[in-house]
PDB file of all heavy atoms in Angstrom:
ATOM      1  N   PRO A   1      -1.320 -12.956   6.090  1.00  0.00           N
ATOM      2  CA  PRO A   1      -1.148 -11.587   6.068  1.00  0.00           C
ATOM      3  C   PRO A   1      -2.154 -10.814   5.157  1.00  0.00           C
ATOM      4  O   PRO A   1      -2.457 -11.247   4.079  1.00  0.00           O
ATOM      5  CB  PRO A   1       0.287 -11.340   5.477  1.00  0.00           C
ATOM      6  CG  PRO A   1       0.977 -12.625   5.869  1.00  0.00           C
ATOM      7  CD  PRO A   1      -0.086 -13.665   5.736  1.00  0.00           C
ATOM      8  N   THR A   2      -2.700  -9.750   5.716  1.00  0.00           N
ATOM      9  CA  THR A   2      -3.630  -8.904   4.946  1.00  0.00           C
ATOM     10  C   THR A   2      -2.806  -8.073   3.974  1.00  0.00           C
ATOM     11  O   THR A   2      -1.733  -7.569   4.324  1.00  0.00           O
ATOM     12  CB  THR A   2      -4.361  -7.969   5.922  1.00  0.00           C
ATOM     13  OG1 THR A   2      -5.113  -8.747   6.818  1.00  0.00           O
ATOM     14  CG2 THR A   2      -5.308  -7.028   5.187  1.00  0.00           C
ATOM     15  N   THR A   3      -3.321  -7.942   2.760  1.00  0.00           N
ATOM     16  CA  THR A   3      -2.672  -7.047   1.761  1.00  0.00           C
ATOM     17  C   THR A   3      -3.409  -5.714   1.856  1.00  0.00           C
ATOM     18  O   THR A   3      -4.641  -5.663   1.596  1.00  0.00           O
ATOM     19  CB  THR A   3      -2.718  -7.642   0.400  1.00  0.00           C
ATOM     20  OG1 THR A   3      -2.025  -8.893   0.385  1.00  0.00           O
ATOM     21  CG2 THR A   3      -2.070  -6.721  -0.662  1.00  0.00           C
ATOM     22  N   VAL A   4      -2.661  -4.666   2.078  1.00  0.00           N
ATOM     23  CA  VAL A   4      -3.210  -3.305   2.093  1.00  0.00           C
ATOM     24  C   VAL A   4      -2.715  -2.586   0.859  1.00  0.00           C
ATOM     25  O   VAL A   4      -1.518  -2.443   0.611  1.00  0.00           O
ATOM     26  CB  VAL A   4      -2.762  -2.506   3.368  1.00  0.00           C
ATOM     27  CG1 VAL A   4      -3.275  -1.064   3.282  1.00  0.00           C
ATOM     28  CG2 VAL A   4      -3.176  -3.185   4.627  1.00  0.00           C
ATOM     29  N   LEU A   5      -3.689  -2.244  -0.016  1.00  0.00           N
ATOM     30  CA  LEU A   5      -3.404  -1.460  -1.221  1.00  0.00           C
ATOM     31  C   LEU A   5      -3.467   0.024  -0.847  1.00  0.00           C
ATOM     32  O   LEU A   5      -4.479   0.463  -0.277  1.00  0.00           O
ATOM     33  CB  LEU A   5      -4.387  -1.785  -2.326  1.00  0.00           C
ATOM     34  CG  LEU A   5      -4.492  -3.219  -2.746  1.00  0.00           C
ATOM     35  CD1 LEU A   5      -5.627  -3.402  -3.765  1.00  0.00           C
ATOM     36  CD2 LEU A   5      -3.172  -3.741  -3.316  1.00  0.00           C
ATOM     37  N   THR A   6      -2.389   0.758  -1.130  1.00  0.00           N
ATOM     38  CA  THR A   6      -2.347   2.123  -0.792  1.00  0.00           C
ATOM     39  C   THR A   6      -1.585   2.911  -1.866  1.00  0.00           C
ATOM     40  O   THR A   6      -1.135   2.367  -2.824  1.00  0.00           O
ATOM     41  CB  THR A   6      -1.776   2.318   0.645  1.00  0.00           C
ATOM     42  OG1 THR A   6      -2.025   3.656   1.064  1.00  0.00           O
ATOM     43  CG2 THR A   6      -0.266   2.031   0.688  1.00  0.00           C
ATOM     44  N   CYS A   7      -1.447   4.225  -1.624  1.00  0.00           N
ATOM     45  CA  CYS A   7      -0.722   5.085  -2.555  1.00  0.00           C
ATOM     46  C   CYS A   7       0.411   5.736  -1.810  1.00  0.00           C
ATOM     47  O   CYS A   7       0.529   5.714  -0.590  1.00  0.00           O
ATOM     48  CB  CYS A   7      -1.666   6.118  -3.159  1.00  0.00           C
ATOM     49  SG  CYS A   7      -2.426   7.185  -1.927  1.00  0.00           S
ATOM     50  N   ALA A   8       1.315   6.354  -2.584  1.00  0.00           N
ATOM     51  CA  ALA A   8       2.493   7.039  -2.044  1.00  0.00           C
ATOM     52  C   ALA A   8       2.107   8.184  -1.114  1.00  0.00           C
ATOM     53  O   ALA A   8       2.891   8.550  -0.250  1.00  0.00           O
ATOM     54  CB  ALA A   8       3.438   7.468  -3.185  1.00  0.00           C
ATOM     55  N   ALA A   9       0.952   8.749  -1.338  1.00  0.00           N
ATOM     56  CA  ALA A   9       0.495   9.882  -0.471  1.00  0.00           C
ATOM     57  C   ALA A   9       0.110   9.442   0.947  1.00  0.00           C
ATOM     58  O   ALA A   9       0.023  10.287   1.861  1.00  0.00           O
ATOM     59  CB  ALA A   9      -0.663  10.607  -1.112  1.00  0.00           C
ATOM     60  N   ALA A  10      -0.118   8.120   1.150  1.00  0.00           N
ATOM     61  CA  ALA A  10      -0.377   7.649   2.512  1.00  0.00           C
ATOM     62  C   ALA A  10       0.841   7.904   3.400  1.00  0.00           C
ATOM     63  O   ALA A  10       1.971   7.727   2.962  1.00  0.00           O
ATOM     64  CB  ALA A  10      -0.705   6.189   2.519  1.00  0.00           C
ATOM     65  N   PRO A  11       0.637   8.380   4.614  1.00  0.00           N
ATOM     66  CA  PRO A  11       1.771   8.732   5.486  1.00  0.00           C
ATOM     67  C   PRO A  11       2.727   7.543   5.660  1.00  0.00           C
ATOM     68  O   PRO A  11       2.249   6.406   5.928  1.00  0.00           O
ATOM     69  CB  PRO A  11       1.115   9.173   6.746  1.00  0.00           C
ATOM     70  CG  PRO A  11      -0.286   9.555   6.375  1.00  0.00           C
ATOM     71  CD  PRO A  11      -0.638   8.684   5.215  1.00  0.00           C
ATOM     72  N   GLU A  12       3.988   7.772   5.532  1.00  0.00           N
ATOM     73  CA  GLU A  12       4.998   6.702   5.691  1.00  0.00           C
ATOM     74  C   GLU A  12       4.845   6.031   7.063  1.00  0.00           C
ATOM     75  O   GLU A  12       4.929   4.824   7.158  1.00  0.00           O
ATOM     76  CB  GLU A  12       6.397   7.276   5.528  1.00  0.00           C
ATOM     77  CG  GLU A  12       7.499   6.260   5.787  1.00  0.00           C
ATOM     78  CD  GLU A  12       7.444   4.994   4.926  1.00  0.00           C
ATOM     79  OE1 GLU A  12       7.044   5.118   3.741  1.00  0.00           O
ATOM     80  OE2 GLU A  12       7.869   3.977   5.424  1.00  0.00           O
ATOM     81  N   PRO A  13       4.673   6.787   8.147  1.00  0.00           N
ATOM     82  CA  PRO A  13       4.502   6.126   9.445  1.00  0.00           C
ATOM     83  C   PRO A  13       3.309   5.120   9.489  1.00  0.00           C
ATOM     84  O   PRO A  13       3.397   4.086  10.131  1.00  0.00           O
ATOM     85  CB  PRO A  13       4.310   7.244  10.444  1.00  0.00           C
ATOM     86  CG  PRO A  13       4.953   8.424   9.819  1.00  0.00           C
ATOM     87  CD  PRO A  13       4.692   8.239   8.323  1.00  0.00           C
ATOM     88  N   THR A  14       2.282   5.487   8.795  1.00  0.00           N
ATOM     89  CA  THR A  14       1.110   4.598   8.705  1.00  0.00           C
ATOM     90  C   THR A  14       1.437   3.355   7.937  1.00  0.00           C
ATOM     91  O   THR A  14       1.125   2.239   8.371  1.00  0.00           O
ATOM     92  CB  THR A  14      -0.097   5.307   8.098  1.00  0.00           C
ATOM     93  OG1 THR A  14      -0.406   6.478   8.876  1.00  0.00           O
ATOM     94  CG2 THR A  14      -1.347   4.432   8.010  1.00  0.00           C
ATOM     95  N   ARG A  15       2.069   3.516   6.792  1.00  0.00           N
ATOM     96  CA  ARG A  15       2.461   2.351   6.010  1.00  0.00           C
ATOM     97  C   ARG A  15       3.399   1.452   6.807  1.00  0.00           C
ATOM     98  O   ARG A  15       3.247   0.190   6.788  1.00  0.00           O
ATOM     99  CB  ARG A  15       3.162   2.784   4.693  1.00  0.00           C
ATOM    100  CG  ARG A  15       2.128   3.417   3.713  1.00  0.00           C
ATOM    101  CD  ARG A  15       2.744   3.719   2.367  1.00  0.00           C
ATOM    102  NE  ARG A  15       3.429   4.969   2.432  1.00  0.00           N
ATOM    103  CZ  ARG A  15       4.461   5.361   1.702  1.00  0.00           C
ATOM    104  NH1 ARG A  15       4.998   4.547   0.792  1.00  0.00           N
ATOM    105  NH2 ARG A  15       4.973   6.531   1.806  1.00  0.00           N
ATOM    106  N   ARG A  16       4.346   1.995   7.473  1.00  0.00           N
ATOM    107  CA  ARG A  16       5.291   1.258   8.315  1.00  0.00           C
ATOM    108  C   ARG A  16       4.544   0.528   9.417  1.00  0.00           C
ATOM    109  O   ARG A  16       4.807  -0.655   9.707  1.00  0.00           O
ATOM    110  CB  ARG A  16       6.386   2.181   8.851  1.00  0.00           C
ATOM    111  CG  ARG A  16       7.512   1.419   9.572  1.00  0.00           C
ATOM    112  CD  ARG A  16       8.689   2.289   9.961  1.00  0.00           C
ATOM    113  NE  ARG A  16       8.314   3.633  10.485  1.00  0.00           N
ATOM    114  CZ  ARG A  16       8.441   4.782   9.862  1.00  0.00           C
ATOM    115  NH1 ARG A  16       8.901   4.822   8.640  1.00  0.00           N
ATOM    116  NH2 ARG A  16       8.087   5.912  10.474  1.00  0.00           N
ATOM    117  N   ALA A  17       3.565   1.191  10.076  1.00  0.00           N
ATOM    118  CA  ALA A  17       2.820   0.583  11.155  1.00  0.00           C
ATOM    119  C   ALA A  17       2.022  -0.640  10.645  1.00  0.00           C
ATOM    120  O   ALA A  17       1.883  -1.676  11.315  1.00  0.00           O
ATOM    121  CB  ALA A  17       1.888   1.602  11.786  1.00  0.00           C
ATOM    122  N   TRP A  18       1.436  -0.515   9.461  1.00  0.00           N
ATOM    123  CA  TRP A  18       0.726  -1.653   8.855  1.00  0.00           C
ATOM    124  C   TRP A  18       1.645  -2.808   8.709  1.00  0.00           C
ATOM    125  O   TRP A  18       1.298  -3.982   9.027  1.00  0.00           O
ATOM    126  CB  TRP A  18       0.106  -1.325   7.527  1.00  0.00           C
ATOM    127  CG  TRP A  18      -1.029  -0.350   7.556  1.00  0.00           C
ATOM    128  CD1 TRP A  18      -1.995  -0.224   8.507  1.00  0.00           C
ATOM    129  CD2 TRP A  18      -1.384   0.572   6.485  1.00  0.00           C
ATOM    130  NE1 TRP A  18      -2.929   0.713   8.162  1.00  0.00           N
ATOM    131  CE2 TRP A  18      -2.555   1.197   6.918  1.00  0.00           C
ATOM    132  CE3 TRP A  18      -0.842   0.890   5.262  1.00  0.00           C
ATOM    133  CZ2 TRP A  18      -3.205   2.194   6.152  1.00  0.00           C
ATOM    134  CZ3 TRP A  18      -1.498   1.883   4.505  1.00  0.00           C
ATOM    135  CH2 TRP A  18      -2.615   2.502   4.954  1.00  0.00           C
ATOM    136  N   GLN A  19       2.838  -2.549   8.190  1.00  0.00           N
ATOM    137  CA  GLN A  19       3.815  -3.603   7.972  1.00  0.00           C
ATOM    138  C   GLN A  19       4.271  -4.236   9.294  1.00  0.00           C
ATOM    139  O   GLN A  19       4.369  -5.460   9.409  1.00  0.00           O
ATOM    140  CB  GLN A  19       5.032  -3.099   7.210  1.00  0.00           C
ATOM    141  CG  GLN A  19       4.731  -2.779   5.729  1.00  0.00           C
ATOM    142  CD  GLN A  19       5.906  -2.196   5.039  1.00  0.00           C
ATOM    143  OE1 GLN A  19       6.629  -1.317   5.556  1.00  0.00           O
ATOM    144  NE2 GLN A  19       6.157  -2.625   3.803  1.00  0.00           N
ATOM    145  N   GLU A  20       4.523  -3.423  10.292  1.00  0.00           N
ATOM    146  CA  GLU A  20       4.946  -3.916  11.568  1.00  0.00           C
ATOM    147  C   GLU A  20       3.807  -4.717  12.261  1.00  0.00           C
ATOM    148  O   GLU A  20       4.153  -5.659  13.033  1.00  0.00           O
ATOM    149  CB  GLU A  20       5.419  -2.761  12.478  1.00  0.00           C
ATOM    150  CG  GLU A  20       6.684  -2.131  12.021  1.00  0.00           C
ATOM    151  CD  GLU A  20       7.058  -0.835  12.739  1.00  0.00           C
ATOM    152  OE1 GLU A  20       6.252  -0.380  13.598  1.00  0.00           O
ATOM    153  OE2 GLU A  20       8.141  -0.330  12.399  1.00  0.00           O
ATOM    154  N   ALA A  21       2.593  -4.485  11.931  1.00  0.00           N
ATOM    155  CA  ALA A  21       1.478  -5.225  12.476  1.00  0.00           C
ATOM    156  C   ALA A  21       1.239  -6.516  11.713  1.00  0.00           C
ATOM    157  O   ALA A  21       0.399  -7.311  12.104  1.00  0.00           O
ATOM    158  CB  ALA A  21       0.178  -4.368  12.438  1.00  0.00           C
ATOM    159  N   GLY A  22       1.921  -6.709  10.599  1.00  0.00           N
ATOM    160  CA  GLY A  22       1.839  -7.977   9.893  1.00  0.00           C
ATOM    161  C   GLY A  22       1.261  -7.862   8.493  1.00  0.00           C
ATOM    162  O   GLY A  22       1.124  -8.893   7.822  1.00  0.00           O
ATOM    163  N   ALA A  23       0.849  -6.719   8.004  1.00  0.00           N
ATOM    164  CA  ALA A  23       0.273  -6.578   6.686  1.00  0.00           C
ATOM    165  C   ALA A  23       1.337  -6.521   5.582  1.00  0.00           C
ATOM    166  O   ALA A  23       2.442  -6.054   5.836  1.00  0.00           O
ATOM    167  CB  ALA A  23      -0.591  -5.360   6.634  1.00  0.00           C
ATOM    168  N   ASP A  24       0.925  -6.984   4.424  1.00  0.00           N
ATOM    169  CA  ASP A  24       1.761  -6.797   3.204  1.00  0.00           C
ATOM    170  C   ASP A  24       1.220  -5.436   2.629  1.00  0.00           C
ATOM    171  O   ASP A  24       0.017  -5.388   2.371  1.00  0.00           O
ATOM    172  CB  ASP A  24       1.564  -7.933   2.203  1.00  0.00           C
ATOM    173  CG  ASP A  24       2.175  -9.237   2.716  1.00  0.00           C
ATOM    174  OD1 ASP A  24       3.178  -9.195   3.424  1.00  0.00           O
ATOM    175  OD2 ASP A  24       1.624 -10.260   2.339  1.00  0.00           O
ATOM    176  N   VAL A  25       2.074  -4.514   2.431  1.00  0.00           N
ATOM    177  CA  VAL A  25       1.645  -3.220   1.936  1.00  0.00           C
ATOM    178  C   VAL A  25       2.121  -3.064   0.464  1.00  0.00           C
ATOM    179  O   VAL A  25       3.274  -3.207   0.147  1.00  0.00           O
ATOM    180  CB  VAL A  25       2.228  -2.073   2.794  1.00  0.00           C
ATOM    181  CG1 VAL A  25       1.886  -0.726   2.253  1.00  0.00           C
ATOM    182  CG2 VAL A  25       1.729  -2.220   4.228  1.00  0.00           C
ATOM    183  N   VAL A  26       1.165  -2.731  -0.378  1.00  0.00           N
ATOM    184  CA  VAL A  26       1.402  -2.553  -1.794  1.00  0.00           C
ATOM    185  C   VAL A  26       1.151  -1.067  -2.119  1.00  0.00           C
ATOM    186  O   VAL A  26       0.017  -0.623  -1.958  1.00  0.00           O
ATOM    187  CB  VAL A  26       0.578  -3.461  -2.682  1.00  0.00           C
ATOM    188  CG1 VAL A  26       0.770  -3.110  -4.176  1.00  0.00           C
ATOM    189  CG2 VAL A  26       0.869  -4.938  -2.421  1.00  0.00           C
ATOM    190  N   VAL A  27       2.159  -0.367  -2.485  1.00  0.00           N
ATOM    191  CA  VAL A  27       2.000   1.039  -2.904  1.00  0.00           C
ATOM    192  C   VAL A  27       1.807   1.094  -4.396  1.00  0.00           C
ATOM    193  O   VAL A  27       2.696   0.673  -5.140  1.00  0.00           O
ATOM    194  CB  VAL A  27       3.216   1.915  -2.450  1.00  0.00           C
ATOM    195  CG1 VAL A  27       3.052   3.334  -2.964  1.00  0.00           C
ATOM    196  CG2 VAL A  27       3.382   1.866  -0.959  1.00  0.00           C
ATOM    197  N   ALA A  28       0.664   1.578  -4.822  1.00  0.00           N
ATOM    198  CA  ALA A  28       0.300   1.617  -6.256  1.00  0.00           C
ATOM    199  C   ALA A  28      -0.384   2.937  -6.550  1.00  0.00           C
ATOM    200  O   ALA A  28      -1.520   3.158  -6.195  1.00  0.00           O
ATOM    201  CB  ALA A  28      -0.610   0.483  -6.610  1.00  0.00           C
ATOM    202  N   GLY A  29       0.357   3.885  -7.091  1.00  0.00           N
ATOM    203  CA  GLY A  29      -0.167   5.187  -7.390  1.00  0.00           C
ATOM    204  C   GLY A  29       0.411   6.252  -6.518  1.00  0.00           C
ATOM    205  O   GLY A  29       1.020   5.966  -5.467  1.00  0.00           O
ATOM    206  N   GLU A  30       0.273   7.500  -6.927  1.00  0.00           N
ATOM    207  CA  GLU A  30       0.824   8.622  -6.171  1.00  0.00           C
ATOM    208  C   GLU A  30      -0.169   9.202  -5.188  1.00  0.00           C
ATOM    209  O   GLU A  30       0.076   9.182  -3.991  1.00  0.00           O
ATOM    210  CB  GLU A  30       1.335   9.691  -7.129  1.00  0.00           C
ATOM    211  CG  GLU A  30       2.513   9.284  -7.968  1.00  0.00           C
ATOM    212  CD  GLU A  30       3.733   8.927  -7.146  1.00  0.00           C
ATOM    213  OE1 GLU A  30       4.012   9.626  -6.177  1.00  0.00           O
ATOM    214  OE2 GLU A  30       4.370   7.921  -7.467  1.00  0.00           O
ATOM    215  N   ASP A  31      -1.230   9.807  -5.703  1.00  0.00           N
ATOM    216  CA  ASP A  31      -2.214  10.482  -4.805  1.00  0.00           C
ATOM    217  C   ASP A  31      -3.430   9.625  -4.502  1.00  0.00           C
ATOM    218  O   ASP A  31      -4.201   9.967  -3.629  1.00  0.00           O
ATOM    219  CB  ASP A  31      -2.626  11.791  -5.484  1.00  0.00           C
ATOM    220  CG  ASP A  31      -1.470  12.774  -5.590  1.00  0.00           C
ATOM    221  OD1 ASP A  31      -0.706  12.887  -4.653  1.00  0.00           O
ATOM    222  OD2 ASP A  31      -1.366  13.407  -6.690  1.00  0.00           O
ATOM    223  N   ALA A  32      -3.635   8.575  -5.258  1.00  0.00           N
ATOM    224  CA  ALA A  32      -4.762   7.645  -5.110  1.00  0.00           C
ATOM    225  C   ALA A  32      -4.272   6.282  -5.574  1.00  0.00           C
ATOM    226  O   ALA A  32      -3.273   6.186  -6.269  1.00  0.00           O
ATOM    227  CB  ALA A  32      -5.971   8.079  -5.934  1.00  0.00           C
ATOM    228  N   VAL A  33      -4.968   5.272  -5.128  1.00  0.00           N
ATOM    229  CA  VAL A  33      -4.573   3.931  -5.548  1.00  0.00           C
ATOM    230  C   VAL A  33      -4.897   3.765  -7.043  1.00  0.00           C
ATOM    231  O   VAL A  33      -5.968   4.002  -7.507  1.00  0.00           O
ATOM    232  CB  VAL A  33      -5.302   2.831  -4.742  1.00  0.00           C
ATOM    233  CG1 VAL A  33      -4.996   1.454  -5.282  1.00  0.00           C
ATOM    234  CG2 VAL A  33      -4.964   2.972  -3.263  1.00  0.00           C
ATOM    235  N   ASP A  34      -3.859   3.355  -7.765  1.00  0.00           N
ATOM    236  CA  ASP A  34      -3.969   3.103  -9.179  1.00  0.00           C
ATOM    237  C   ASP A  34      -4.264   1.599  -9.321  1.00  0.00           C
ATOM    238  O   ASP A  34      -3.416   0.759  -9.083  1.00  0.00           O
ATOM    239  CB  ASP A  34      -2.632   3.418  -9.896  1.00  0.00           C
ATOM    240  CG  ASP A  34      -2.608   3.109 -11.376  1.00  0.00           C
ATOM    241  OD1 ASP A  34      -3.291   2.149 -11.819  1.00  0.00           O
ATOM    242  OD2 ASP A  34      -1.886   3.842 -12.088  1.00  0.00           O
ATOM    243  N   LEU A  35      -5.522   1.288  -9.651  1.00  0.00           N
ATOM    244  CA  LEU A  35      -5.909  -0.157  -9.685  1.00  0.00           C
ATOM    245  C   LEU A  35      -5.139  -1.013 -10.677  1.00  0.00           C
ATOM    246  O   LEU A  35      -4.788  -2.138 -10.361  1.00  0.00           O
ATOM    247  CB  LEU A  35      -7.427  -0.258  -9.970  1.00  0.00           C
ATOM    248  CG  LEU A  35      -8.284   0.301  -8.812  1.00  0.00           C
ATOM    249  CD1 LEU A  35      -9.749   0.134  -9.205  1.00  0.00           C
ATOM    250  CD2 LEU A  35      -8.020  -0.410  -7.526  1.00  0.00           C
ATOM    251  N   ALA A  36      -4.799  -0.460 -11.842  1.00  0.00           N
ATOM    252  CA  ALA A  36      -3.967  -1.204 -12.814  1.00  0.00           C
ATOM    253  C   ALA A  36      -2.603  -1.524 -12.196  1.00  0.00           C
ATOM    254  O   ALA A  36      -2.116  -2.682 -12.349  1.00  0.00           O
ATOM    255  CB  ALA A  36      -3.873  -0.461 -14.113  1.00  0.00           C
ATOM    256  N   ALA A  37      -1.987  -0.584 -11.592  1.00  0.00           N
ATOM    257  CA  ALA A  37      -0.662  -0.750 -10.928  1.00  0.00           C
ATOM    258  C   ALA A  37      -0.812  -1.767  -9.793  1.00  0.00           C
ATOM    259  O   ALA A  37       0.126  -2.589  -9.624  1.00  0.00           O
ATOM    260  CB  ALA A  37      -0.078   0.554 -10.473  1.00  0.00           C
ATOM    261  N   ALA A  38      -1.894  -1.723  -9.055  1.00  0.00           N
ATOM    262  CA  ALA A  38      -2.091  -2.612  -7.965  1.00  0.00           C
ATOM    263  C   ALA A  38      -2.220  -4.078  -8.479  1.00  0.00           C
ATOM    264  O   ALA A  38      -1.602  -4.982  -7.939  1.00  0.00           O
ATOM    265  CB  ALA A  38      -3.349  -2.237  -7.156  1.00  0.00           C
ATOM    266  N   VAL A  39      -3.027  -4.261  -9.549  1.00  0.00           N
ATOM    267  CA  VAL A  39      -3.121  -5.584 -10.092  1.00  0.00           C
ATOM    268  C   VAL A  39      -1.805  -6.101 -10.617  1.00  0.00           C
ATOM    269  O   VAL A  39      -1.471  -7.283 -10.397  1.00  0.00           O
ATOM    270  CB  VAL A  39      -4.212  -5.596 -11.250  1.00  0.00           C
ATOM    271  CG1 VAL A  39      -4.193  -6.856 -12.036  1.00  0.00           C
ATOM    272  CG2 VAL A  39      -5.606  -5.327 -10.641  1.00  0.00           C
ATOM    273  N   THR A  40      -1.067  -5.213 -11.257  1.00  0.00           N
ATOM    274  CA  THR A  40       0.280  -5.644 -11.750  1.00  0.00           C
ATOM    275  C   THR A  40       1.136  -6.084 -10.599  1.00  0.00           C
ATOM    276  O   THR A  40       1.834  -7.125 -10.617  1.00  0.00           O
ATOM    277  CB  THR A  40       0.967  -4.477 -12.550  1.00  0.00           C
ATOM    278  OG1 THR A  40       0.158  -4.208 -13.649  1.00  0.00           O
ATOM    279  CG2 THR A  40       2.342  -4.866 -12.948  1.00  0.00           C
ATOM    280  N   ALA A  41       1.176  -5.289  -9.504  1.00  0.00           N
ATOM    281  CA  ALA A  41       1.980  -5.625  -8.315  1.00  0.00           C
ATOM    282  C   ALA A  41       1.571  -6.953  -7.687  1.00  0.00           C
ATOM    283  O   ALA A  41       2.382  -7.746  -7.291  1.00  0.00           O
ATOM    284  CB  ALA A  41       1.949  -4.489  -7.296  1.00  0.00           C
ATOM    285  N   LEU A  42       0.258  -7.107  -7.558  1.00  0.00           N
ATOM    286  CA  LEU A  42      -0.262  -8.354  -6.987  1.00  0.00           C
ATOM    287  C   LEU A  42       0.053  -9.548  -7.863  1.00  0.00           C
ATOM    288  O   LEU A  42       0.390 -10.616  -7.350  1.00  0.00           O
ATOM    289  CB  LEU A  42      -1.788  -8.238  -6.750  1.00  0.00           C
ATOM    290  CG  LEU A  42      -2.202  -7.201  -5.679  1.00  0.00           C
ATOM    291  CD1 LEU A  42      -3.713  -7.061  -5.720  1.00  0.00           C
ATOM    292  CD2 LEU A  42      -1.726  -7.679  -4.335  1.00  0.00           C
TER     293      LEU A  42
END
């Protein structure tokens, strides 16, 4: 599975579509990807 790092501002339907296609989706940050939060989640 591909890990997609994204933020909460990414449209929910898009995040759901990535998951349904087989990706692991990590939401880290509100308006942009917060790299420190992403590293913590990973």
